[in-house]
Structure formats: structure tokens, C-alpha cells
C-alpha atoms as a PDB file:
ATOM      1  CA  MET A   1      -0.288  -0.683   0.253  1.00  0.00           C
ATOM      2  CA  LYS A   2       2.827   2.263   0.517  1.00  0.00           C
ATOM      3  CA  LYS A   3       4.321   1.905  -2.775  1.00  0.00           C
ATOM      4  CA  LEU A   4       0.970   2.888  -4.427  1.00  0.00           C
ATOM      5  CA  THR A   5       1.076   6.375  -2.553  1.00  0.00           C
ATOM      6  CA  LEU A   6       4.758   7.004  -2.918  1.00  0.00           C
ATOM      7  CA  LEU A   7       4.404   5.516  -6.729  1.00  0.00           C
ATOM      8  CA  PHE A   8       1.663   8.561  -6.334  1.00  0.00           C
ATOM      9  CA  GLY A   9       2.660  10.803  -4.697  1.00  0.00           C
ATOM     10  CA  ALA A  10       5.822  10.801  -7.067  1.00  0.00           C
ATOM     11  CA  PHE A  11       3.994  11.833 -10.088  1.00  0.00           C
ATOM     12  CA  LEU A  12       2.093  14.103  -8.394  1.00  0.00           C
ATOM     13  CA  CYS A  13       5.026  16.289  -7.441  1.00  0.00           C
ATOM     14  CA  ALA A  14       7.392  15.494 -10.183  1.00  0.00           C
ATOM     15  CA  SER A  15       4.326  16.444 -12.987  1.00  0.00           C
ATOM     16  CA  MET A  16       4.185  19.259 -11.713  1.00  0.00           C
ATOM     17  CA  PHE A  17       6.386  21.234 -10.049  1.00  0.00           C
ATOM     18  CA  THR A  18       9.212  19.550 -12.476  1.00  0.00           C
ATOM     19  CA  PHE A  19       7.049  19.885 -15.635  1.00  0.00           C
ATOM     20  CA  GLY A  20       4.453  23.020 -15.046  1.00  0.00           C
ATOM     21  CA  GLN A  21       1.318  20.564 -17.139  1.00  0.00           C
ATOM     22  CA  VAL A  22       0.180  17.241 -16.499  1.00  0.00           C
ATOM     23  CA  GLN A  23       0.370  16.131 -20.122  1.00  0.00           C
ATOM     24  CA  GLU A  24      -3.046  13.405 -21.019  1.00  0.00           C
ATOM     25  CA  GLY A  25      -0.234  10.936 -22.596  1.00  0.00           C
ATOM     26  CA  ASP A  26       1.363  11.490 -18.650  1.00  0.00           C
ATOM     27  CA  ILE A  27      -2.249  10.300 -16.905  1.00  0.00           C
ATOM     28  CA  LYS A  28      -2.660   7.667 -18.551  1.00  0.00           C
ATOM     29  CA  ILE A  29       0.633   5.980 -18.171  1.00  0.00           C
ATOM     30  CA  PHE A  30       0.474   7.000 -14.337  1.00  0.00           C
ATOM     31  CA  GLN A  31      -3.170   5.979 -14.617  1.00  0.00           C
ATOM     32  CA  GLN A  32      -1.768   2.704 -16.465  1.00  0.00           C
ATOM     33  CA  LEU A  33       0.522   1.427 -13.693  1.00  0.00           C
ATOM     34  CA  PHE A  34      -1.502   2.512 -10.323  1.00  0.00           C
ATOM     35  CA  GLY A  35      -4.553   0.479 -12.738  1.00  0.00           C
ATOM     36  CA  THR A  36      -2.279  -2.655 -12.886  1.00  0.00           C
ATOM     37  CA  GLU A  37      -0.505  -2.388  -8.859  1.00  0.00           C
ATOM     38  CA  LYS A  38      -4.546  -1.880  -7.437  1.00  0.00           C
ATOM     39  CA  ALA A  39      -6.252  -4.505  -9.583  1.00  0.00           C
ATOM     40  CA  ALA A  40      -3.193  -7.036  -7.979  1.00  0.00           C
ATOM     41  CA  MET A  41      -4.268  -5.409  -4.283  1.00  0.00           C
ATOM     42  CA  VAL A  42      -8.193  -6.097  -5.172  1.00  0.00           C
ATOM     43  CA  LYS A  43      -7.549  -9.474  -6.158  1.00  0.00           C
ATOM     44  CA  GLN A  44      -5.898 -10.526  -3.134  1.00  0.00           C
ATOM     45  CA  TYR A  45      -7.319  -8.548  -0.688  1.00  0.00           C
ATOM     46  CA  MET A  46     -11.277  -9.582  -2.137  1.00  0.00           C
ATOM     47  CA  ASN A  47      -9.749 -13.341  -2.084  1.00  0.00           C
ATOM     48  CA  LEU A  48     -12.951 -13.921  -4.607  1.00  0.00           C
ATOM     49  CA  THR A  49     -13.902 -17.161  -4.958  1.00  0.00           C
ATOM     50  CA  PRO A  50     -13.581 -18.705  -9.093  1.00  0.00           C
ATOM     51  CA  GLN A  51     -17.355 -17.722  -9.651  1.00  0.00           C
ATOM     52  CA  GLN A  52     -17.375 -14.774  -7.640  1.00  0.00           C
ATOM     53  CA  ASP A  53     -14.082 -13.755  -9.598  1.00  0.00           C
ATOM     54  CA  SER A  54     -15.469 -14.184 -13.493  1.00  0.00           C
ATOM     55  CA  LEU A  55     -18.401 -11.963 -13.112  1.00  0.00           C
ATOM     56  CA  PHE A  56     -16.804  -9.314  -9.708  1.00  0.00           C
ATOM     57  CA  TRP A  57     -13.956  -8.324 -12.865  1.00  0.00           C
ATOM     58  CA  LYS A  58     -16.809  -7.393 -15.500  1.00  0.00           C
ATOM     59  CA  VAL A  59     -17.972  -5.301 -12.991  1.00  0.00           C
ATOM     60  CA  TYR A  60     -15.458  -3.855 -11.621  1.00  0.00           C
ATOM     61  CA  ASP A  61     -13.615  -3.273 -15.155  1.00  0.00           C
ATOM     62  CA  ALA A  62     -16.456  -1.202 -15.693  1.00  0.00           C
ATOM     63  CA  TYR A  63     -16.268   0.578 -12.228  1.00  0.00           C
ATOM     64  CA  GLU A  64     -12.537   1.174 -13.645  1.00  0.00           C
ATOM     65  CA  ALA A  65     -13.257   2.880 -16.630  1.00  0.00           C
ATOM     66  CA  GLN A  66     -15.312   5.538 -15.035  1.00  0.00           C
ATOM     67  CA  ARG A  67     -13.141   5.983 -11.549  1.00  0.00           C
ATOM     68  CA  LEU A  68     -10.758   6.726 -14.398  1.00  0.00           C
ATOM     69  CA  GLU A  69     -11.893  10.116 -15.514  1.00  0.00           C
ATOM     70  CA  LEU A  70     -12.761  11.403 -11.693  1.00  0.00           C
ATOM     71  CA  GLY A  71      -8.859  10.348 -11.315  1.00  0.00           C
ATOM     72  CA  LYS A  72      -8.753  12.645 -14.680  1.00  0.00           C
ATOM     73  CA  ARG A  73      -9.840  15.386 -13.142  1.00  0.00           C
ATOM     74  CA  ARG A  74      -8.364  15.171  -9.762  1.00  0.00           C
ATOM     75  CA  ILE A  75      -5.325  15.384 -11.656  1.00  0.00           C
ATOM     76  CA  ARG A  76      -5.843  18.301 -13.615  1.00  0.00           C
ATOM     77  CA  LEU A  77      -7.663  20.247 -10.456  1.00  0.00           C
ATOM     78  CA  VAL A  78      -3.984  19.486  -8.449  1.00  0.00           C
ATOM     79  CA  GLU A  79      -2.824  20.713 -11.282  1.00  0.00           C
ATOM     80  CA  ASN A  80      -4.952  24.306 -11.663  1.00  0.00           C
ATOM     81  CA  TYR A  81      -3.949  24.668  -8.248  1.00  0.00           C
ATOM     82  CA  ALA A  82      -0.285  24.313  -8.359  1.00  0.00           C
ATOM     83  CA  ASN A  83      -0.767  26.978 -11.574  1.00  0.00           C
ATOM     84  CA  SER A  84      -2.602  28.795  -9.790  1.00  0.00           C
ATOM     85  CA  ILE A  85      -1.106  28.686  -6.312  1.00  0.00           C
ATOM     86  CA  MET A  86       1.272  32.351  -6.402  1.00  0.00           C
ATOM     87  CA  SER A  87      -1.843  34.019  -7.733  1.00  0.00           C
ATOM     88  CA  LEU A  88      -4.469  31.671  -6.026  1.00  0.00           C
ATOM     89  CA  SER A  89      -7.833  34.727  -6.581  1.00  0.00           C
ATOM     90  CA  ALA A  90     -11.380  34.649  -4.320  1.00  0.00           C
ATOM     91  CA  ASP A  91     -13.196  33.543  -8.508  1.00  0.00           C
ATOM     92  CA  LYS A  92     -10.288  30.838  -9.277  1.00  0.00           C
ATOM     93  CA  ALA A  93     -10.587  29.493  -5.184  1.00  0.00           C
ATOM     94  CA  THR A  94     -13.882  28.416  -5.534  1.00  0.00           C
ATOM     95  CA  GLU A  95     -14.270  27.674  -8.804  1.00  0.00           C
ATOM     96  CA  MET A  96     -11.547  24.471  -7.478  1.00  0.00           C
ATOM     97  CA  VAL A  97     -12.916  24.346  -4.688  1.00  0.00           C
ATOM     98  CA  ASN A  98     -16.627  23.545  -6.050  1.00  0.00           C
ATOM     99  CA  GLU A  99     -14.584  20.994  -8.694  1.00  0.00           C
ATOM    100  CA  ALA A 100     -12.473  19.390  -5.153  1.00  0.00           C
ATOM    101  CA  ASN A 101     -16.616  19.013  -4.551  1.00  0.00           C
ATOM    102  CA  ALA A 102     -18.468  17.937  -7.542  1.00  0.00           C
ATOM    103  CA  ILE A 103     -15.504  15.332  -7.629  1.00  0.00           C
ATOM    104  CA  ASP A 104     -16.200  14.122  -4.255  1.00  0.00           C
ATOM    105  CA  VAL A 105     -19.301  13.879  -5.047  1.00  0.00           C
ATOM    106  CA  GLU A 106     -19.828  12.104  -7.654  1.00  0.00           C
ATOM    107  CA  PHE A 107     -17.377   9.403  -6.562  1.00  0.00           C
ATOM    108  CA  LYS A 108     -19.675   8.636  -4.283  1.00  0.00           C
ATOM    109  CA  LYS A 109     -22.332   8.109  -6.075  1.00  0.00           C
ATOM    110  CA  LEU A 110     -20.375   5.879  -8.617  1.00  0.00           C
ATOM    111  CA  GLN A 111     -19.389   3.699  -4.909  1.00  0.00           C
ATOM    112  CA  LYS A 112     -23.412   3.413  -4.386  1.00  0.00           C
ATOM    113  CA  THR A 113     -24.342   2.427  -8.056  1.00  0.00           C
ATOM    114  CA  TYR A 114     -20.990  -0.248  -8.743  1.00  0.00           C
ATOM    115  CA  TYR A 115     -22.000  -1.518  -4.238  1.00  0.00           C
ATOM    116  CA  LYS A 116     -25.502  -1.990  -6.025  1.00  0.00           C
ATOM    117  CA  LYS A 117     -24.208  -3.613  -9.188  1.00  0.00           C
ATOM    118  CA  MET A 118     -21.671  -5.676  -7.276  1.00  0.00           C
ATOM    119  CA  SER A 119     -23.762  -6.851  -4.457  1.00  0.00           C
ATOM    120  CA  LYS A 120     -26.158  -9.050  -7.307  1.00  0.00           C
ATOM    121  CA  THR A 121     -22.818 -10.449  -8.308  1.00  0.00           C
ATOM    122  CA  ILE A 122     -20.847 -11.409  -5.781  1.00  0.00           C
ATOM    123  CA  GLY A 123     -22.874 -10.737  -2.961  1.00  0.00           C
ATOM    124  CA  GLU A 124     -23.467  -7.736  -0.027  1.00  0.00           C
ATOM    125  CA  VAL A 125     -20.332  -8.628   1.945  1.00  0.00           C
ATOM    126  CA  LYS A 126     -17.639  -9.040  -1.062  1.00  0.00           C
ATOM    127  CA  ALA A 127     -19.735  -5.458  -2.766  1.00  0.00           C
ATOM    128  CA  ALA A 128     -19.528  -3.813   0.852  1.00  0.00           C
ATOM    129  CA  GLN A 129     -15.407  -5.239   0.822  1.00  0.00           C
ATOM    130  CA  PHE A 130     -14.832  -3.412  -2.251  1.00  0.00           C
ATOM    131  CA  TYR A 131     -16.941  -0.613  -1.615  1.00  0.00           C
ATOM    132  CA  GLN A 132     -14.714  -0.439   2.284  1.00  0.00           C
ATOM    133  CA  PHE A 133     -10.977  -0.709  -0.204  1.00  0.00           C
ATOM    134  CA  GLU A 134     -11.921   1.337  -2.242  1.00  0.00           C
ATOM    135  CA  GLY A 135     -12.731   4.644   0.339  1.00  0.00           C
ATOM    136  CA  TYR A 136      -9.456   3.756   1.641  1.00  0.00           C
ATOM    137  CA  LEU A 137      -7.730   3.864  -1.367  1.00  0.00           C
ATOM    138  CA  ASN A 138      -9.773   6.901  -1.803  1.00  0.00           C
ATOM    139  CA  ASN A 139      -8.263   8.775   1.478  1.00  0.00           C
ATOM    140  CA  VAL A 140      -4.834   7.403   0.574  1.00  0.00           C
ATOM    141  CA  ILE A 141      -4.843   9.248  -2.300  1.00  0.00           C
ATOM    142  CA  ASN A 142      -6.060  12.665  -0.895  1.00  0.00           C
ATOM    143  CA  LEU A 143      -3.827  12.061   1.847  1.00  0.00           C
ATOM    144  CA  SER A 144      -1.489  11.685  -0.537  1.00  0.00           C
ATOM    145  CA  ILE A 145      -1.776  14.974  -2.736  1.00  0.00           C
ATOM    146  CA  GLN A 146      -2.177  17.271   0.343  1.00  0.00           C
ATOM    147  CA  GLU A 147       1.367  15.944   1.616  1.00  0.00           C
ATOM    148  CA  ASN A 148       2.413  16.865  -1.235  1.00  0.00           C
ATOM    149  CA  ILE A 149       1.380  19.960  -2.296  1.00  0.00           C
ATOM    150  CA  PRO A 150       1.835  23.175  -0.271  1.00  0.00           C
ATOM    151  CA  PHE A 151      -1.191  24.555   1.802  1.00  0.00           C
ATOM    152  CA  VAL A 152      -2.933  28.590   0.706  1.00  0.00           C
ATOM    153  CA  GLY A 153      -1.312  30.516   1.579  1.00  0.00           C
ATOM    154  CA  GLU A 154       1.669  28.179   2.446  1.00  0.00           C
ATOM    155  CA  ILE A 155       4.579  29.999   0.572  1.00  0.00           C
ATOM    156  CA  GLU A 156       3.303  33.834   1.194  1.00  0.00           C
ATOM    157  CA  LEU A 157       3.886  32.735   4.532  1.00  0.00           C
ATOM    158  CA  MET A 158       7.155  31.209   3.361  1.00  0.00           C
ATOM    159  CA  PHE A 159       8.595  34.352   2.085  1.00  0.00           C
ATOM    160  CA  LYS A 160       7.391  37.079   4.506  1.00  0.00           C
ATOM    161  CA  LYS A 161       9.272  34.365   7.155  1.00  0.00           C
END
């Protein structure tokens, strides 16, 4: 799990603070690497029966396709913040807070939708297990972002000292 967090944090920091802009290709490569690691962790964590396994991955792939779009939005939001950090206006701050909230709400809706779908295919308990795991990973990613970017106003305070 730490490997995943470090990979994510390193990607974000390197992409935004070194190169200034995250390219679509960078996002795709990162998401492929993250997706491969994540799928292996999900497989191990879920410990599905052979029958559940064949049903689960079809639903999981559909879920992941939608989650990846939210991931792109989150990466773009962090990039936007990194590019605006030295001149953050009230309007830009509100825009970014609204986008962050929209991403969070859409992620929860996605989880709820796929909990229902997975409940029908692998049962409620296994679906809840996946729901919890996804929530955990989302929290790890959010924490990694928070640990790797300065808070609003933090850079200005550093320059005043």
C-alpha cells in the first residue's frame, strides 16, 4: 500500500512542480501503472471464489473506466492549483473548491451505483468489502495529495519569514 501512495505522490509532484503541466499521455501512463498495481491488490484483498471472480472483474472494469475519468479530473484540479498557487484569486479558489466537491460527490455516487451492481453479482458482503477498500484507497490518494502540495497561503508565509 505504501508503494502505491509513494508512486502517486511522486508522480504528482514531479509532473506539476517539475514540468509545470501534466500531459494527457502522462496521466494515461500513470493510470495504467496505478491500475495494474491496484488490480493486483484488489484481487488479493477480495479473495473471491472462482465463480465470484469471473463475475466481479466484468463489473470492476466498468467501474474503473468511470473512476479513471474522475481521477483525471482530480489530477487536472491539482495541476490547476499548482499553476495558480502564487496568484490565487477568490473566483479561482471558489472554482477549485466547487470542482473538488463535485469530484467527491461523483465518486460517492459511483461507489453507491457499483455497490448495488456488485451486490447482485458477488453478494452484499463482498460488495461492501470492495466499497470499503475503494474508500480506503481514495483516502490514501487524498492524503498523498495533501502531503505533497502546499496549503493555500503557505508559500506566501514562507516568503514573509
